[in-house]
Amino acid sequence: MAVKIRLQRHGKKGKPFYWVVAADARSKRDGRYLEKLGTYNPNTNPATIDLNIDNAVQWLHNGAQPTDTARAILSYKGVLLKHHLDGGVRKGALTQEQADAKFAAWLEEKAGKVDAKKDNLSKAKADAKAKALAAEKAVNEKRANAAAEAEAAAKAEAEAAENAAAEEVATEAAAEEPAADEATEETQA
């Protein structure tokens, strides 16, 4: 029986979530599997991979062939390196302690790279947020200045209208005074 290490799709439309499984090559993509080795979530940045390294290495020792995507995932988590180092131990090129030390050093280096990427992503996100906030403040300030100018213009217009109305009333009152004076003179005469 040919065994493949491959991905089995789960999740919903547009939000895939995968199980990494060891399955018979003839079984359906999402069908029967022999063993679940881990999970892979490509929706996060960086992608979240949870993998049982020892079981995956054991399947590789037994002759399981990973698909291209599964090979990339196994390589990313160090399964292929551990398989390679175990081959060196079987041939007598190095001891198990040396192989474990090399694998631990590689895992430490890889963890440092992943942490650096996470830090860069969070820093870029914070910078983008600060930039957007500054742009929003500038727009709000322009809007407030425009509103203040419009209010000042409306106030000046209202004052001008009041002054014009007061002048009109004053000119009408001045025009009525002589007429009123003439009317009082006629009644007195």
Protein backbone atom coordinates (compact mmCIF):
# COMPACT_ATOMS: atom_id res chain seq x y z
CA MET A 1 0.00 0.00 0.00
CA ALA A 2 1.47 3.39 -1.02
CA VAL A 3 1.20 5.90 1.82
CA LYS A 4 1.14 9.65 1.23
CA ILE A 5 1.55 12.45 3.72
CA ARG A 6 -0.89 15.06 2.47
CA LEU A 7 -3.34 17.77 3.42
CA GLN A 8 -6.99 17.14 4.16
CA ARG A 9 -9.15 20.24 3.77
CA HIS A 10 -11.50 21.38 6.51
CA GLY A 11 -12.91 24.79 7.41
CA LYS A 12 -15.43 26.79 5.43
CA LYS A 13 -15.59 28.44 2.04
CA GLY A 14 -12.83 31.03 1.70
CA LYS A 15 -11.32 30.10 5.09
CA PRO A 16 -9.46 26.82 4.59
CA PHE A 17 -8.03 24.84 7.48
CA TYR A 18 -6.04 21.68 6.83
CA TRP A 19 -5.16 18.51 8.66
CA VAL A 20 -1.79 16.98 7.81
CA VAL A 21 -2.49 13.25 7.53
CA ALA A 22 -0.85 10.01 6.49
CA ALA A 23 -3.29 8.32 4.10
CA ASP A 24 -3.45 5.60 1.47
CA ALA A 25 -2.66 7.17 -1.91
CA ARG A 26 -5.87 5.72 -3.36
CA SER A 27 -8.22 7.28 -0.77
CA LYS A 28 -10.13 10.49 -1.46
CA ARG A 29 -8.66 13.88 -0.54
CA ASP A 30 -10.94 14.35 2.46
CA GLY A 31 -11.62 10.66 2.96
CA ARG A 32 -10.18 7.95 5.14
CA TYR A 33 -6.72 8.45 6.64
CA LEU A 34 -4.34 6.30 8.64
CA GLU A 35 -3.11 8.89 11.15
CA LYS A 36 -3.56 12.60 11.78
CA LEU A 37 -0.11 14.18 12.10
CA GLY A 38 -1.05 17.80 12.72
CA THR A 39 -2.84 20.92 11.48
CA TYR A 40 -2.06 23.78 9.12
CA ASN A 41 -3.90 27.12 9.17
CA PRO A 42 -2.91 29.41 6.27
CA ASN A 43 -5.34 32.15 7.36
CA THR A 44 -2.94 33.60 9.93
CA ASN A 45 0.26 35.49 9.19
CA PRO A 46 2.65 33.70 9.54
CA ALA A 47 0.74 30.48 8.93
CA THR A 48 0.05 28.39 12.04
CA ILE A 49 1.43 24.86 11.85
CA ASP A 50 0.99 22.32 14.65
CA LEU A 51 2.75 19.06 13.84
CA ASN A 52 3.72 15.88 15.68
CA ILE A 53 7.32 15.71 14.49
CA ASP A 54 8.11 12.23 15.84
CA ASN A 55 5.10 10.56 14.19
CA ALA A 56 5.80 12.34 10.89
CA VAL A 57 9.43 11.17 10.97
CA GLN A 58 8.28 7.64 11.72
CA TRP A 59 6.00 7.67 8.64
CA LEU A 60 8.90 8.96 6.53
CA HIS A 61 11.08 6.11 7.86
CA ASN A 62 8.36 3.67 6.80
CA GLY A 63 8.40 5.03 3.24
CA ALA A 64 5.53 7.54 3.15
CA GLN A 65 5.89 10.09 0.35
CA PRO A 66 4.80 13.67 1.11
CA THR A 67 2.99 15.76 -1.50
CA ASP A 68 4.63 19.02 -2.60
CA THR A 69 2.74 21.20 -0.13
CA ALA A 70 3.13 18.68 2.67
CA ARG A 71 6.88 18.48 1.89
CA ALA A 72 7.14 22.27 2.25
CA ILE A 73 5.33 22.13 5.60
CA LEU A 74 7.47 19.23 6.84
CA SER A 75 10.61 21.07 5.77
CA TYR A 76 9.45 24.27 7.50
CA LYS A 77 8.93 22.41 10.78
CA GLY A 78 12.22 20.45 10.51
CA VAL A 79 10.76 16.98 9.99
CA LEU A 80 12.83 16.36 6.85
CA LEU A 81 16.00 17.50 8.67
CA LYS A 82 15.30 15.12 11.55
CA HIS A 83 14.67 12.30 9.05
CA HIS A 84 17.98 13.12 7.36
CA LEU A 85 19.87 13.21 10.68
CA ASP A 86 18.32 9.87 11.71
CA GLY A 87 19.64 8.40 8.44
CA GLY A 88 23.11 9.59 9.42
CA VAL A 89 22.75 7.96 12.84
CA ARG A 90 21.68 4.65 11.26
CA LYS A 91 24.73 4.72 8.97
CA GLY A 92 27.04 5.55 11.88
CA ALA A 93 28.13 8.97 10.58
CA LEU A 94 27.14 10.65 13.84
CA THR A 95 25.75 9.74 17.25
CA GLN A 96 22.18 10.26 18.40
CA GLU A 97 23.33 13.01 20.81
CA GLN A 98 25.03 14.91 17.99
CA ALA A 99 21.93 14.58 15.82
CA ASP A 100 19.70 15.81 18.64
CA ALA A 101 22.04 18.77 19.28
CA LYS A 102 22.01 19.75 15.59
CA PHE A 103 18.23 19.48 15.46
CA ALA A 104 17.81 21.55 18.65
CA ALA A 105 20.15 24.25 17.28
CA TRP A 106 18.19 24.34 14.02
CA LEU A 107 14.88 24.62 15.90
CA GLU A 108 16.25 27.49 17.98
CA GLU A 109 17.45 29.35 14.89
CA LYS A 110 14.12 28.78 13.15
CA ALA A 111 12.19 30.04 16.19
CA GLY A 112 14.32 33.20 16.14
CA LYS A 113 13.50 33.80 12.47
CA VAL A 114 9.78 33.27 13.05
CA ASP A 115 9.79 35.62 16.04
CA ALA A 116 11.63 38.26 13.99
CA LYS A 117 9.01 37.97 11.26
CA LYS A 118 6.18 38.30 13.80
CA ASP A 119 7.89 41.37 15.30
CA ASN A 120 8.30 42.95 11.85
CA LEU A 121 4.66 42.27 11.02
CA SER A 122 3.40 43.75 14.29
CA LYS A 123 5.72 46.77 13.86
CA ALA A 124 4.49 47.31 10.29
CA LYS A 125 0.90 47.03 11.49
CA ALA A 126 1.53 49.55 14.27
CA ASP A 127 3.23 51.94 11.82
CA ALA A 128 0.32 51.67 9.39
CA LYS A 129 -2.13 52.31 12.23
CA ALA A 130 -0.16 55.38 13.40
CA LYS A 131 0.00 56.69 9.82
CA ALA A 132 -3.75 56.22 9.37
CA LEU A 133 -4.40 57.98 12.70
CA ALA A 134 -2.22 60.94 11.68
CA ALA A 135 -4.03 61.19 8.33
CA GLU A 136 -7.39 61.03 10.10
CA LYS A 137 -6.32 63.78 12.52
CA ALA A 138 -5.26 65.97 9.60
CA VAL A 139 -8.61 65.45 7.87
CA ASN A 140 -10.51 66.18 11.11
CA GLU A 141 -8.45 69.33 11.64
CA LYS A 142 -9.19 70.54 8.09
CA ARG A 143 -12.86 69.78 8.63
CA ALA A 144 -12.88 71.69 11.95
CA ASN A 145 -11.08 74.68 10.36
CA ALA A 146 -13.53 74.70 7.46
CA ALA A 147 -16.46 74.55 9.89
CA ALA A 148 -14.97 77.40 11.95
CA GLU A 149 -14.46 79.51 8.80
CA ALA A 150 -18.00 78.79 7.65
CA GLU A 151 -19.34 79.73 11.09
CA ALA A 152 -17.29 82.93 11.13
CA ALA A 153 -18.53 83.79 7.62
CA ALA A 154 -22.11 83.08 8.66
CA LYS A 155 -21.69 85.22 11.79
CA ALA A 156 -20.18 88.08 9.74
CA GLU A 157 -23.02 87.77 7.23
CA ALA A 158 -25.59 87.81 10.03
CA GLU A 159 -23.96 90.90 11.57
CA ALA A 160 -23.89 92.59 8.19
CA ALA A 161 -27.56 91.75 7.72
CA GLU A 162 -28.37 93.12 11.21
CA ASN A 163 -26.40 96.29 10.50
CA ALA A 164 -28.16 96.71 7.17
CA ALA A 165 -31.52 96.16 8.85
CA ALA A 166 -30.64 98.63 11.62
CA GLU A 167 -29.58 101.22 9.05
CA GLU A 168 -32.78 100.63 7.13
CA VAL A 169 -34.84 101.09 10.29
CA ALA A 170 -32.85 104.20 11.14
CA THR A 171 -33.36 105.69 7.66
CA GLU A 172 -37.07 104.86 7.77
CA ALA A 173 -37.33 106.42 11.22
CA ALA A 174 -35.47 109.49 10.00
CA ALA A 175 -37.80 109.73 7.00
CA GLU A 176 -40.87 109.38 9.23
CA GLU A 177 -39.74 112.05 11.72
CA PRO A 178 -40.10 114.96 9.31
CA ALA A 179 -43.43 113.58 8.20
CA ALA A 180 -44.51 113.28 11.81
CA ASP A 181 -43.28 116.82 12.51
CA GLU A 182 -45.34 118.14 9.57
CA ALA A 183 -48.39 116.28 10.82
CA THR A 184 -48.06 117.80 14.33
CA GLU A 185 -47.59 121.29 12.86
CA GLU A 186 -50.77 120.92 10.82
CA THR A 187 -52.77 119.83 13.85
CA GLN A 188 -51.45 122.73 15.90
CA ALA A 189 -52.33 125.28 13.24
